[in-house]
Amino acid sequence: MCRSETDRKLVTEFMQAYAHFRKAARELSDFTVARVGELLPGNNFREYWKMLACYAILIADGHSADQALGAIRTFNISHSADGCSAMASQLRSDEHFEALLAETRRHRDEVQRTVKPVASLFA
């Protein structure tokens, strides 16, 4: 695969970009789940918090409500999706959430920029 120093640099750059993206995505997810828990003091069902957090992140990232609802159905939690959009709105007003979302997007864009040159090594 890596026939030259340039190839190795391309692969290294992609791997670093991907590692930074995963770290940023994890920080966004962890913060969002914890924030949902703070906003729902009477509910301590963490899987429900994760579901609401997932919905909020997807909506904030530009997915449609139908796409976000489809994704949270995979959580296999019996729930009403009534609180999802309200929670997403509350989180969108949180500056730290927005900063983490922007950081995750920046790293995702970097992965997308570096993946094509690496994929060409396999062609």
PDB file of N, CA and C in Angstrom:
ATOM      1  N   MET A   1       0.821  -1.181   0.000  1.00  0.00           N
ATOM      2  CA  MET A   1       0.000   0.000   0.000  1.00  0.00           C
ATOM      3  C   MET A   1       0.871   1.253   0.000  1.00  0.00           C
ATOM      4  N   CYS A   2       1.743   1.427   0.975  1.00  0.00           N
ATOM      5  CA  CYS A   2       2.586   2.621   1.055  1.00  0.00           C
ATOM      6  C   CYS A   2       3.901   2.350   0.334  1.00  0.00           C
ATOM      7  N   ARG A   3       3.945   2.772  -0.915  1.00  0.00           N
ATOM      8  CA  ARG A   3       5.137   2.506  -1.722  1.00  0.00           C
ATOM      9  C   ARG A   3       6.176   3.616  -1.615  1.00  0.00           C
ATOM     10  N   SER A   4       5.780   4.744  -1.060  1.00  0.00           N
ATOM     11  CA  SER A   4       6.718   5.858  -0.972  1.00  0.00           C
ATOM     12  C   SER A   4       6.493   6.623   0.333  1.00  0.00           C
ATOM     13  N   GLU A   5       7.397   7.533   0.580  1.00  0.00           N
ATOM     14  CA  GLU A   5       7.270   8.384   1.769  1.00  0.00           C
ATOM     15  C   GLU A   5       6.013   9.254   1.660  1.00  0.00           C
ATOM     16  N   THR A   6       5.677   9.685   0.463  1.00  0.00           N
ATOM     17  CA  THR A   6       4.459  10.483   0.245  1.00  0.00           C
ATOM     18  C   THR A   6       3.229   9.674   0.612  1.00  0.00           C
ATOM     19  N   ASP A   7       3.207   8.387   0.213  1.00  0.00           N
ATOM     20  CA  ASP A   7       2.077   7.515   0.564  1.00  0.00           C
ATOM     21  C   ASP A   7       1.957   7.376   2.076  1.00  0.00           C
ATOM     22  N   ARG A   8       3.075   7.175   2.746  1.00  0.00           N
ATOM     23  CA  ARG A   8       3.061   7.043   4.205  1.00  0.00           C
ATOM     24  C   ARG A   8       2.541   8.314   4.868  1.00  0.00           C
ATOM     25  N   LYS A   9       2.943   9.460   4.341  1.00  0.00           N
ATOM     26  CA  LYS A   9       2.476  10.731   4.902  1.00  0.00           C
ATOM     27  C   LYS A   9       0.965  10.882   4.715  1.00  0.00           C
ATOM     28  N   LEU A  10       0.462  10.471   3.537  1.00  0.00           N
ATOM     29  CA  LEU A  10      -0.984  10.550   3.293  1.00  0.00           C
ATOM     30  C   LEU A  10      -1.753   9.690   4.290  1.00  0.00           C
ATOM     31  N   VAL A  11      -1.276   8.472   4.490  1.00  0.00           N
ATOM     32  CA  VAL A  11      -1.949   7.555   5.416  1.00  0.00           C
ATOM     33  C   VAL A  11      -1.861   8.082   6.849  1.00  0.00           C
ATOM     34  N   THR A  12      -0.698   8.579   7.229  1.00  0.00           N
ATOM     35  CA  THR A  12      -0.522   9.132   8.578  1.00  0.00           C
ATOM     36  C   THR A  12      -1.436  10.327   8.798  1.00  0.00           C
ATOM     37  N   GLU A  13      -1.514  11.198   7.798  1.00  0.00           N
ATOM     38  CA  GLU A  13      -2.385  12.378   7.914  1.00  0.00           C
ATOM     39  C   GLU A  13      -3.849  11.959   8.072  1.00  0.00           C
ATOM     40  N   PHE A  14      -4.274  10.965   7.297  1.00  0.00           N
ATOM     41  CA  PHE A  14      -5.643  10.475   7.409  1.00  0.00           C
ATOM     42  C   PHE A  14      -5.890   9.870   8.793  1.00  0.00           C
ATOM     43  N   MET A  15      -4.970   9.047   9.262  1.00  0.00           N
ATOM     44  CA  MET A  15      -5.149   8.396  10.565  1.00  0.00           C
ATOM     45  C   MET A  15      -5.205   9.424  11.692  1.00  0.00           C
ATOM     46  N   GLN A  16      -4.385  10.452  11.615  1.00  0.00           N
ATOM     47  CA  GLN A  16      -4.419  11.500  12.639  1.00  0.00           C
ATOM     48  C   GLN A  16      -5.729  12.279  12.570  1.00  0.00           C
ATOM     49  N   ALA A  17      -6.171  12.599  11.358  1.00  0.00           N
ATOM     50  CA  ALA A  17      -7.439  13.326  11.201  1.00  0.00           C
ATOM     51  C   ALA A  17      -8.587  12.501  11.758  1.00  0.00           C
ATOM     52  N   TYR A  18      -8.574  11.206  11.472  1.00  0.00           N
ATOM     53  CA  TYR A  18      -9.651  10.343  11.963  1.00  0.00           C
ATOM     54  C   TYR A  18      -9.632  10.246  13.493  1.00  0.00           C
ATOM     55  N   ALA A  19      -8.442  10.128  14.076  1.00  0.00           N
ATOM     56  CA  ALA A  19      -8.328  10.049  15.535  1.00  0.00           C
ATOM     57  C   ALA A  19      -8.840  11.338  16.185  1.00  0.00           C
ATOM     58  N   HIS A  20      -8.520  12.481  15.600  1.00  0.00           N
ATOM     59  CA  HIS A  20      -9.009  13.757  16.135  1.00  0.00           C
ATOM     60  C   HIS A  20     -10.521  13.858  15.997  1.00  0.00           C
ATOM     61  N   PHE A  21     -11.043  13.384  14.883  1.00  0.00           N
ATOM     62  CA  PHE A  21     -12.497  13.398  14.691  1.00  0.00           C
ATOM     63  C   PHE A  21     -13.184  12.527  15.739  1.00  0.00           C
ATOM     64  N   ARG A  22     -12.708  11.316  15.953  1.00  0.00           N
ATOM     65  CA  ARG A  22     -13.328  10.413  16.933  1.00  0.00           C
ATOM     66  C   ARG A  22     -13.278  11.018  18.337  1.00  0.00           C
ATOM     67  N   LYS A  23     -12.158  11.653  18.683  1.00  0.00           N
ATOM     68  CA  LYS A  23     -12.037  12.293  20.001  1.00  0.00           C
ATOM     69  C   LYS A  23     -13.053  13.426  20.129  1.00  0.00           C
ATOM     70  N   ALA A  24     -13.166  14.269  19.118  1.00  0.00           N
ATOM     71  CA  ALA A  24     -14.115  15.388  19.161  1.00  0.00           C
ATOM     72  C   ALA A  24     -15.552  14.882  19.205  1.00  0.00           C
ATOM     73  N   ALA A  25     -15.859  13.845  18.431  1.00  0.00           N
ATOM     74  CA  ALA A  25     -17.213  13.285  18.418  1.00  0.00           C
ATOM     75  C   ALA A  25     -17.562  12.684  19.784  1.00  0.00           C
ATOM     76  N   ARG A  26     -16.613  12.033  20.417  1.00  0.00           N
ATOM     77  CA  ARG A  26     -16.841  11.451  21.739  1.00  0.00           C
ATOM     78  C   ARG A  26     -17.076  12.553  22.768  1.00  0.00           C
ATOM     79  N   GLU A  27     -16.281  13.620  22.705  1.00  0.00           N
ATOM     80  CA  GLU A  27     -16.469  14.731  23.637  1.00  0.00           C
ATOM     81  C   GLU A  27     -17.848  15.368  23.451  1.00  0.00           C
ATOM     82  N   LEU A  28     -18.265  15.542  22.203  1.00  0.00           N
ATOM     83  CA  LEU A  28     -19.597  16.094  21.925  1.00  0.00           C
ATOM     84  C   LEU A  28     -20.679  15.182  22.486  1.00  0.00           C
ATOM     85  N   SER A  29     -20.550  13.898  22.240  1.00  0.00           N
ATOM     86  CA  SER A  29     -21.537  12.941  22.721  1.00  0.00           C
ATOM     87  C   SER A  29     -21.587  12.909  24.250  1.00  0.00           C
ATOM     88  N   ASP A  30     -20.436  12.810  24.876  1.00  0.00           N
ATOM     89  CA  ASP A  30     -20.386  12.749  26.344  1.00  0.00           C
ATOM     90  C   ASP A  30     -20.982  14.013  26.965  1.00  0.00           C
ATOM     91  N   PHE A  31     -20.603  15.176  26.433  1.00  0.00           N
ATOM     92  CA  PHE A  31     -21.139  16.429  26.967  1.00  0.00           C
ATOM     93  C   PHE A  31     -22.651  16.478  26.788  1.00  0.00           C
ATOM     94  N   THR A  32     -23.127  16.103  25.601  1.00  0.00           N
ATOM     95  CA  THR A  32     -24.551  16.212  25.311  1.00  0.00           C
ATOM     96  C   THR A  32     -25.370  15.284  26.201  1.00  0.00           C
ATOM     97  N   VAL A  33     -24.910  14.062  26.388  1.00  0.00           N
ATOM     98  CA  VAL A  33     -25.621  13.125  27.268  1.00  0.00           C
ATOM     99  C   VAL A  33     -25.669  13.691  28.694  1.00  0.00           C
ATOM    100  N   ALA A  34     -24.547  14.197  29.185  1.00  0.00           N
ATOM    101  CA  ALA A  34     -24.520  14.763  30.543  1.00  0.00           C
ATOM    102  C   ALA A  34     -25.434  15.980  30.641  1.00  0.00           C
ATOM    103  N   ARG A  35     -25.450  16.806  29.614  1.00  0.00           N
ATOM    104  CA  ARG A  35     -26.296  18.007  29.634  1.00  0.00           C
ATOM    105  C   ARG A  35     -27.773  17.624  29.624  1.00  0.00           C
ATOM    106  N   VAL A  36     -28.131  16.616  28.829  1.00  0.00           N
ATOM    107  CA  VAL A  36     -29.520  16.137  28.824  1.00  0.00           C
ATOM    108  C   VAL A  36     -29.893  15.676  30.224  1.00  0.00           C
ATOM    109  N   GLY A  37     -29.003  14.964  30.888  1.00  0.00           N
ATOM    110  CA  GLY A  37     -29.260  14.512  32.253  1.00  0.00           C
ATOM    111  C   GLY A  37     -29.496  15.669  33.212  1.00  0.00           C
ATOM    112  N   GLU A  38     -28.737  16.750  33.027  1.00  0.00           N
ATOM    113  CA  GLU A  38     -28.932  17.937  33.870  1.00  0.00           C
ATOM    114  C   GLU A  38     -30.295  18.577  33.601  1.00  0.00           C
ATOM    115  N   LEU A  39     -30.725  18.552  32.346  1.00  0.00           N
ATOM    116  CA  LEU A  39     -31.988  19.178  31.967  1.00  0.00           C
ATOM    117  C   LEU A  39     -33.205  18.325  32.328  1.00  0.00           C
ATOM    118  N   LEU A  40     -32.973  17.055  32.661  1.00  0.00           N
ATOM    119  CA  LEU A  40     -34.055  16.143  33.063  1.00  0.00           C
ATOM    120  C   LEU A  40     -33.777  15.605  34.461  1.00  0.00           C
ATOM    121  N   PRO A  41     -33.819  16.452  35.473  1.00  0.00           N
ATOM    122  CA  PRO A  41     -33.431  16.000  36.816  1.00  0.00           C
ATOM    123  C   PRO A  41     -34.312  14.889  37.379  1.00  0.00           C
ATOM    124  N   GLY A  42     -35.537  14.765  36.917  1.00  0.00           N
ATOM    125  CA  GLY A  42     -36.417  13.730  37.451  1.00  0.00           C
ATOM    126  C   GLY A  42     -36.307  12.405  36.715  1.00  0.00           C
ATOM    127  N   ASN A  43     -35.450  12.356  35.701  1.00  0.00           N
ATOM    128  CA  ASN A  43     -35.332  11.141  34.902  1.00  0.00           C
ATOM    129  C   ASN A  43     -33.880  10.675  34.967  1.00  0.00           C
ATOM    130  N   ASN A  44     -33.640   9.483  35.493  1.00  0.00           N
ATOM    131  CA  ASN A  44     -32.270   8.988  35.591  1.00  0.00           C
ATOM    132  C   ASN A  44     -32.016   7.792  34.671  1.00  0.00           C
ATOM    133  N   PHE A  45     -32.802   7.658  33.636  1.00  0.00           N
ATOM    134  CA  PHE A  45     -32.632   6.569  32.672  1.00  0.00           C
ATOM    135  C   PHE A  45     -31.629   7.020  31.604  1.00  0.00           C
ATOM    136  N   ARG A  46     -30.378   6.627  31.787  1.00  0.00           N
ATOM    137  CA  ARG A  46     -29.277   7.105  30.944  1.00  0.00           C
ATOM    138  C   ARG A  46     -29.458   6.768  29.461  1.00  0.00           C
ATOM    139  N   GLU A  47     -30.044   5.640  29.152  1.00  0.00           N
ATOM    140  CA  GLU A  47     -30.248   5.289  27.742  1.00  0.00           C
ATOM    141  C   GLU A  47     -31.202   6.281  27.067  1.00  0.00           C
ATOM    142  N   TYR A  48     -32.172   6.771  27.822  1.00  0.00           N
ATOM    143  CA  TYR A  48     -33.082   7.791  27.299  1.00  0.00           C
ATOM    144  C   TYR A  48     -32.317   9.088  27.053  1.00  0.00           C
ATOM    145  N   TRP A  49     -31.414   9.446  27.962  1.00  0.00           N
ATOM    146  CA  TRP A  49     -30.575  10.630  27.775  1.00  0.00           C
ATOM    147  C   TRP A  49     -29.763  10.485  26.484  1.00  0.00           C
ATOM    148  N   LYS A  50     -29.192   9.293  26.277  1.00  0.00           N
ATOM    149  CA  LYS A  50     -28.382   9.060  25.080  1.00  0.00           C
ATOM    150  C   LYS A  50     -29.219   9.213  23.813  1.00  0.00           C
ATOM    151  N   MET A  51     -30.443   8.720  23.864  1.00  0.00           N
ATOM    152  CA  MET A  51     -31.332   8.817  22.716  1.00  0.00           C
ATOM    153  C   MET A  51     -31.639  10.287  22.399  1.00  0.00           C
ATOM    154  N   LEU A  52     -31.982  11.070  23.432  1.00  0.00           N
ATOM    155  CA  LEU A  52     -32.260  12.489  23.224  1.00  0.00           C
ATOM    156  C   LEU A  52     -31.018  13.234  22.728  1.00  0.00           C
ATOM    157  N   ALA A  53     -29.867  12.876  23.260  1.00  0.00           N
ATOM    158  CA  ALA A  53     -28.611  13.504  22.840  1.00  0.00           C
ATOM    159  C   ALA A  53     -28.335  13.207  21.368  1.00  0.00           C
ATOM    160  N   CYS A  54     -28.534  11.976  20.974  1.00  0.00           N
ATOM    161  CA  CYS A  54     -28.320  11.584  19.579  1.00  0.00           C
ATOM    162  C   CYS A  54     -29.228  12.396  18.660  1.00  0.00           C
ATOM    163  N   TYR A  55     -30.489  12.493  19.015  1.00  0.00           N
ATOM    164  CA  TYR A  55     -31.444  13.271  18.224  1.00  0.00           C
ATOM    165  C   TYR A  55     -30.977  14.726  18.104  1.00  0.00           C
ATOM    166  N   ALA A  56     -30.595  15.324  19.226  1.00  0.00           N
ATOM    167  CA  ALA A  56     -30.182  16.724  19.236  1.00  0.00           C
ATOM    168  C   ALA A  56     -28.950  16.953  18.361  1.00  0.00           C
ATOM    169  N   ILE A  57     -27.985  16.049  18.439  1.00  0.00           N
ATOM    170  CA  ILE A  57     -26.765  16.188  17.639  1.00  0.00           C
ATOM    171  C   ILE A  57     -27.095  16.072  16.149  1.00  0.00           C
ATOM    172  N   LEU A  58     -27.927  15.102  15.797  1.00  0.00           N
ATOM    173  CA  LEU A  58     -28.287  14.933  14.385  1.00  0.00           C
ATOM    174  C   LEU A  58     -29.032  16.153  13.841  1.00  0.00           C
ATOM    175  N   ILE A  59     -29.965  16.670  14.611  1.00  0.00           N
ATOM    176  CA  ILE A  59     -30.705  17.867  14.183  1.00  0.00           C
ATOM    177  C   ILE A  59     -29.746  19.052  14.051  1.00  0.00           C
ATOM    178  N   ALA A  60     -28.881  19.235  15.029  1.00  0.00           N
ATOM    179  CA  ALA A  60     -27.920  20.343  14.990  1.00  0.00           C
ATOM    180  C   ALA A  60     -26.950  20.210  13.820  1.00  0.00           C
ATOM    181  N   ASP A  61     -26.706  18.987  13.398  1.00  0.00           N
ATOM    182  CA  ASP A  61     -25.784  18.745  12.290  1.00  0.00           C
ATOM    183  C   ASP A  61     -26.475  18.859  10.929  1.00  0.00           C
ATOM    184  N   GLY A  62     -27.775  19.158  10.944  1.00  0.00           N
ATOM    185  CA  GLY A  62     -28.462  19.413   9.681  1.00  0.00           C
ATOM    186  C   GLY A  62     -29.315  18.283   9.147  1.00  0.00           C
ATOM    187  N   HIS A  63     -29.462  17.200   9.895  1.00  0.00           N
ATOM    188  CA  HIS A  63     -30.333  16.114   9.451  1.00  0.00           C
ATOM    189  C   HIS A  63     -31.790  16.502   9.670  1.00  0.00           C
ATOM    190  N   SER A  64     -32.653  15.899   8.895  1.00  0.00           N
ATOM    191  CA  SER A  64     -34.082  16.177   9.061  1.00  0.00           C
ATOM    192  C   SER A  64     -34.603  15.481  10.320  1.00  0.00           C
ATOM    193  N   ALA A  65     -35.763  15.931  10.764  1.00  0.00           N
ATOM    194  CA  ALA A  65     -36.387  15.303  11.934  1.00  0.00           C
ATOM    195  C   ALA A  65     -36.688  13.835  11.648  1.00  0.00           C
ATOM    196  N   ASP A  66     -37.122  13.524  10.432  1.00  0.00           N
ATOM    197  CA  ASP A  66     -37.403  12.127  10.080  1.00  0.00           C
ATOM    198  C   ASP A  66     -36.138  11.270  10.145  1.00  0.00           C
ATOM    199  N   GLN A  67     -35.028  11.804   9.641  1.00  0.00           N
ATOM    200  CA  GLN A  67     -33.768  11.053   9.700  1.00  0.00           C
ATOM    201  C   GLN A  67     -33.334  10.847  11.152  1.00  0.00           C
ATOM    202  N   ALA A  68     -33.458  11.886  11.958  1.00  0.00           N
ATOM    203  CA  ALA A  68     -33.057  11.780  13.367  1.00  0.00           C
ATOM    204  C   ALA A  68     -33.950  10.796  14.115  1.00  0.00           C
ATOM    205  N   LEU A  69     -35.256  10.849  13.850  1.00  0.00           N
ATOM    206  CA  LEU A  69     -36.168   9.899  14.495  1.00  0.00           C
ATOM    207  C   LEU A  69     -35.862   8.467  14.066  1.00  0.00           C
ATOM    208  N   GLY A  70     -35.522   8.292  12.800  1.00  0.00           N
ATOM    209  CA  GLY A  70     -35.144   6.960  12.317  1.00  0.00           C
ATOM    210  C   GLY A  70     -33.916   6.436  13.042  1.00  0.00           C
ATOM    211  N   ALA A  71     -32.963   7.313  13.275  1.00  0.00           N
ATOM    212  CA  ALA A  71     -31.736   6.904  13.971  1.00  0.00           C
ATOM    213  C   ALA A  71     -32.015   6.529  15.426  1.00  0.00           C
ATOM    214  N   ILE A  72     -32.858   7.297  16.104  1.00  0.00           N
ATOM    215  CA  ILE A  72     -33.082   6.993  17.517  1.00  0.00           C
ATOM    216  C   ILE A  72     -33.975   5.780  17.717  1.00  0.00           C
ATOM    217  N   ARG A  73     -34.682   5.373  16.687  1.00  0.00           N
ATOM    218  CA  ARG A  73     -35.476   4.135  16.809  1.00  0.00           C
ATOM    219  C   ARG A  73     -34.569   2.925  17.033  1.00  0.00           C
ATOM    220  N   THR A  74     -33.320   3.022  16.613  1.00  0.00           N
ATOM    221  CA  THR A  74     -32.380   1.912  16.791  1.00  0.00           C
ATOM    222  C   THR A  74     -32.002   1.714  18.251  1.00  0.00           C
ATOM    223  N   PHE A  75     -32.346   2.656  19.113  1.00  0.00           N
ATOM    224  CA  PHE A  75     -32.050   2.524  20.533  1.00  0.00           C
ATOM    225  C   PHE A  75     -32.962   1.505  21.213  1.00  0.00           C
ATOM    226  N   ASN A  76     -34.042   1.125  20.536  1.00  0.00           N
ATOM    227  CA  ASN A  76     -34.995   0.142  21.070  1.00  0.00           C
ATOM    228  C   ASN A  76     -35.501   0.520  22.458  1.00  0.00           C
ATOM    229  N   ILE A  77     -35.808   1.790  22.601  1.00  0.00           N
ATOM    230  CA  ILE A  77     -36.381   2.282  23.859  1.00  0.00           C
ATOM    231  C   ILE A  77     -37.806   2.689  23.563  1.00  0.00           C
ATOM    232  N   SER A  78     -38.728   2.180  24.365  1.00  0.00           N
ATOM    233  CA  SER A  78     -40.102   2.600  24.201  1.00  0.00           C
ATOM    234  C   SER A  78     -40.192   4.020  24.708  1.00  0.00           C
ATOM    235  N   HIS A  79     -40.585   4.883  23.853  1.00  0.00           N
ATOM    236  CA  HIS A  79     -40.582   6.288  24.226  1.00  0.00           C
ATOM    237  C   HIS A  79     -41.553   7.068  23.361  1.00  0.00           C
ATOM    238  N   SER A  80     -41.810   8.244  23.814  1.00  0.00           N
ATOM    239  CA  SER A  80     -42.526   9.207  22.997  1.00  0.00           C
ATOM    240  C   SER A  80     -41.472  10.188  22.525  1.00  0.00           C
ATOM    241  N   ALA A  81     -41.483  10.500  21.265  1.00  0.00           N
ATOM    242  CA  ALA A  81     -40.493  11.422  20.713  1.00  0.00           C
ATOM    243  C   ALA A  81     -40.889  12.870  20.937  1.00  0.00           C
ATOM    244  N   ASP A  82     -41.921  13.087  21.749  1.00  0.00           N
ATOM    245  CA  ASP A  82     -42.418  14.446  21.967  1.00  0.00           C
ATOM    246  C   ASP A  82     -41.346  15.400  22.490  1.00  0.00           C
ATOM    247  N   GLY A  83     -40.514  14.940  23.395  1.00  0.00           N
ATOM    248  CA  GLY A  83     -39.520  15.829  23.999  1.00  0.00           C
ATOM    249  C   GLY A  83     -38.267  16.033  23.187  1.00  0.00           C
ATOM    250  N   CYS A  84     -38.131  15.312  22.091  1.00  0.00           N
ATOM    251  CA  CYS A  84     -36.887  15.372  21.321  1.00  0.00           C
ATOM    252  C   CYS A  84     -36.608  16.760  20.750  1.00  0.00           C
ATOM    253  N   SER A  85     -37.585  17.355  20.072  1.00  0.00           N
ATOM    254  CA  SER A  85     -37.312  18.645  19.439  1.00  0.00           C
ATOM    255  C   SER A  85     -37.127  19.749  20.478  1.00  0.00           C
ATOM    256  N   ALA A  86     -37.848  19.672  21.585  1.00  0.00           N
ATOM    257  CA  ALA A  86     -37.660  20.671  22.644  1.00  0.00           C
ATOM    258  C   ALA A  86     -36.254  20.561  23.235  1.00  0.00           C
ATOM    259  N   MET A  87     -35.788  19.332  23.431  1.00  0.00           N
ATOM    260  CA  MET A  87     -34.445  19.134  23.975  1.00  0.00           C
ATOM    261  C   MET A  87     -33.398  19.631  22.977  1.00  0.00           C
ATOM    262  N   ALA A  88     -33.607  19.345  21.695  1.00  0.00           N
ATOM    263  CA  ALA A  88     -32.669  19.806  20.667  1.00  0.00           C
ATOM    264  C   ALA A  88     -32.591  21.332  20.681  1.00  0.00           C
ATOM    265  N   SER A  89     -33.721  21.997  20.846  1.00  0.00           N
ATOM    266  CA  SER A  89     -33.741  23.465  20.895  1.00  0.00           C
ATOM    267  C   SER A  89     -32.987  23.983  22.110  1.00  0.00           C
ATOM    268  N   GLN A  90     -33.190  23.345  23.239  1.00  0.00           N
ATOM    269  CA  GLN A  90     -32.480  23.769  24.453  1.00  0.00           C
ATOM    270  C   GLN A  90     -30.976  23.619  24.282  1.00  0.00           C
ATOM    271  N   LEU A  91     -30.561  22.528  23.691  1.00  0.00           N
ATOM    272  CA  LEU A  91     -29.127  22.297  23.520  1.00  0.00           C
ATOM    273  C   LEU A  91     -28.517  23.262  22.507  1.00  0.00           C
ATOM    274  N   ARG A  92     -29.265  23.621  21.486  1.00  0.00           N
ATOM    275  CA  ARG A  92     -28.753  24.560  20.484  1.00  0.00           C
ATOM    276  C   ARG A  92     -28.447  25.923  21.089  1.00  0.00           C
ATOM    277  N   SER A  93     -29.076  26.247  22.190  1.00  0.00           N
ATOM    278  CA  SER A  93     -28.807  27.539  22.838  1.00  0.00           C
ATOM    279  C   SER A  93     -27.610  27.462  23.788  1.00  0.00           C
ATOM    280  N   ASP A  94     -27.026  26.286  23.934  1.00  0.00           N
ATOM    281  CA  ASP A  94     -25.869  26.090  24.816  1.00  0.00           C
ATOM    282  C   ASP A  94     -24.586  26.367  24.021  1.00  0.00           C
ATOM    283  N   GLU A  95     -23.832  27.373  24.437  1.00  0.00           N
ATOM    284  CA  GLU A  95     -22.618  27.762  23.707  1.00  0.00           C
ATOM    285  C   GLU A  95     -21.579  26.640  23.666  1.00  0.00           C
ATOM    286  N   HIS A  96     -21.460  25.902  24.751  1.00  0.00           N
ATOM    287  CA  HIS A  96     -20.466  24.820  24.782  1.00  0.00           C
ATOM    288  C   HIS A  96     -20.854  23.712  23.796  1.00  0.00           C
ATOM    289  N   PHE A  97     -22.125  23.389  23.730  1.00  0.00           N
ATOM    290  CA  PHE A  97     -22.616  22.404  22.758  1.00  0.00           C
ATOM    291  C   PHE A  97     -22.269  22.853  21.346  1.00  0.00           C
ATOM    292  N   GLU A  98     -22.550  24.107  21.038  1.00  0.00           N
ATOM    293  CA  GLU A  98     -22.267  24.636  19.697  1.00  0.00           C
ATOM    294  C   GLU A  98     -20.771  24.610  19.388  1.00  0.00           C
ATOM    295  N   ALA A  99     -19.940  24.916  20.380  1.00  0.00           N
ATOM    296  CA  ALA A  99     -18.492  24.889  20.179  1.00  0.00           C
ATOM    297  C   ALA A  99     -18.003  23.465  19.907  1.00  0.00           C
ATOM    298  N   LEU A 100     -18.511  22.503  20.668  1.00  0.00           N
ATOM    299  CA  LEU A 100     -18.125  21.104  20.448  1.00  0.00           C
ATOM    300  C   LEU A 100     -18.624  20.602  19.098  1.00  0.00           C
ATOM    301  N   LEU A 101     -19.811  21.017  18.706  1.00  0.00           N
ATOM    302  CA  LEU A 101     -20.350  20.634  17.402  1.00  0.00           C
ATOM    303  C   LEU A 101     -19.474  21.196  16.278  1.00  0.00           C
ATOM    304  N   ALA A 102     -19.078  22.450  16.391  1.00  0.00           N
ATOM    305  CA  ALA A 102     -18.217  23.069  15.376  1.00  0.00           C
ATOM    306  C   ALA A 102     -16.868  22.359  15.294  1.00  0.00           C
ATOM    307  N   GLU A 103     -16.315  22.006  16.438  1.00  0.00           N
ATOM    308  CA  GLU A 103     -15.031  21.290  16.473  1.00  0.00           C
ATOM    309  C   GLU A 103     -15.163  19.912  15.797  1.00  0.00           C
ATOM    310  N   THR A 104     -16.233  19.221  16.073  1.00  0.00           N
ATOM    311  CA  THR A 104     -16.464  17.911  15.463  1.00  0.00           C
ATOM    312  C   THR A 104     -16.612  18.046  13.954  1.00  0.00           C
ATOM    313  N   ARG A 105     -17.353  19.039  13.512  1.00  0.00           N
ATOM    314  CA  ARG A 105     -17.516  19.276  12.065  1.00  0.00           C
ATOM    315  C   ARG A 105     -16.176  19.575  11.405  1.00  0.00           C
ATOM    316  N   ARG A 106     -15.364  20.392  12.071  1.00  0.00           N
ATOM    317  CA  ARG A 106     -14.049  20.741  11.513  1.00  0.00           C
ATOM    318  C   ARG A 106     -13.200  19.490  11.319  1.00  0.00           C
ATOM    319  N   HIS A 107     -13.195  18.615  12.311  1.00  0.00           N
ATOM    320  CA  HIS A 107     -12.412  17.379  12.198  1.00  0.00           C
ATOM    321  C   HIS A 107     -13.022  16.427  11.165  1.00  0.00           C
ATOM    322  N   ARG A 108     -14.341  16.384  11.075  1.00  0.00           N
ATOM    323  CA  ARG A 108     -14.988  15.557  10.055  1.00  0.00           C
ATOM    324  C   ARG A 108     -14.600  16.031   8.658  1.00  0.00           C
ATOM    325  N   ASP A 109     -14.570  17.346   8.462  1.00  0.00           N
ATOM    326  CA  ASP A 109     -14.172  17.899   7.170  1.00  0.00           C
ATOM    327  C   ASP A 109     -12.728  17.539   6.833  1.00  0.00           C
ATOM    328  N   GLU A 110     -11.889  17.527   7.839  1.00  0.00           N
ATOM    329  CA  GLU A 110     -10.485  17.150   7.629  1.00  0.00           C
ATOM    330  C   GLU A 110     -10.372  15.675   7.221  1.00  0.00           C
ATOM    331  N   VAL A 111     -11.167  14.815   7.838  1.00  0.00           N
ATOM    332  CA  VAL A 111     -11.176  13.397   7.448  1.00  0.00           C
ATOM    333  C   VAL A 111     -11.631  13.278   5.996  1.00  0.00           C
ATOM    334  N   GLN A 112     -12.684  13.989   5.644  1.00  0.00           N
ATOM    335  CA  GLN A 112     -13.190  13.918   4.271  1.00  0.00           C
ATOM    336  C   GLN A 112     -12.151  14.421   3.271  1.00  0.00           C
ATOM    337  N   ARG A 113     -11.383  15.433   3.663  1.00  0.00           N
ATOM    338  CA  ARG A 113     -10.338  15.965   2.780  1.00  0.00           C
ATOM    339  C   ARG A 113      -9.214  14.949   2.573  1.00  0.00           C
ATOM    340  N   THR A 114      -8.875  14.193   3.598  1.00  0.00           N
ATOM    341  CA  THR A 114      -7.731  13.281   3.524  1.00  0.00           C
ATOM    342  C   THR A 114      -8.091  11.889   3.025  1.00  0.00           C
ATOM    343  N   VAL A 115      -9.361  11.531   3.000  1.00  0.00           N
ATOM    344  CA  VAL A 115      -9.720  10.152   2.647  1.00  0.00           C
ATOM    345  C   VAL A 115      -9.528   9.866   1.149  1.00  0.00           C
ATOM    346  N   LYS A 116      -9.791  10.814   0.274  1.00  0.00           N
ATOM    347  CA  LYS A 116      -9.661  10.545  -1.165  1.00  0.00           C
ATOM    348  C   LYS A 116      -8.236  10.192  -1.581  1.00  0.00           C
ATOM    349  N   PRO A 117      -7.246  10.971  -1.142  1.00  0.00           N
ATOM    350  CA  PRO A 117      -5.875  10.576  -1.513  1.00  0.00           C
ATOM    351  C   PRO A 117      -5.489   9.197  -0.991  1.00  0.00           C
ATOM    352  N   VAL A 118      -5.952   8.846   0.195  1.00  0.00           N
ATOM    353  CA  VAL A 118      -5.637   7.530   0.753  1.00  0.00           C
ATOM    354  C   VAL A 118      -6.370   6.452  -0.028  1.00  0.00           C
ATOM    355  N   ALA A 119      -7.628   6.691  -0.379  1.00  0.00           N
ATOM    356  CA  ALA A 119      -8.391   5.715  -1.159  1.00  0.00           C
ATOM    357  C   ALA A 119      -7.739   5.467  -2.506  1.00  0.00           C
ATOM    358  N   SER A 120      -7.124   6.482  -3.083  1.00  0.00           N
ATOM    359  CA  SER A 120      -6.472   6.294  -4.387  1.00  0.00           C
ATOM    360  C   SER A 120      -5.294   5.333  -4.310  1.00  0.00           C
ATOM    361  N   LEU A 121      -4.750   5.131  -3.113  1.00  0.00           N
ATOM    362  CA  LEU A 121      -3.646   4.176  -2.960  1.00  0.00           C
ATOM    363  C   LEU A 121      -4.120   2.745  -3.171  1.00  0.00           C
ATOM    364  N   PHE A 122      -5.417   2.504  -3.011  1.00  0.00           N
ATOM    365  CA  PHE A 122      -5.978   1.164  -3.156  1.00  0.00           C
ATOM    366  C   PHE A 122      -6.528   0.908  -4.556  1.00  0.00           C
ATOM    367  N   ALA A 123      -6.543   1.941  -5.382  1.00  0.00           N
ATOM    368  CA  ALA A 123      -7.124   1.800  -6.727  1.00  0.00           C
ATOM    369  C   ALA A 123      -6.203   1.074  -7.675  1.00  0.00           C
TER     370      ALA A 123
END
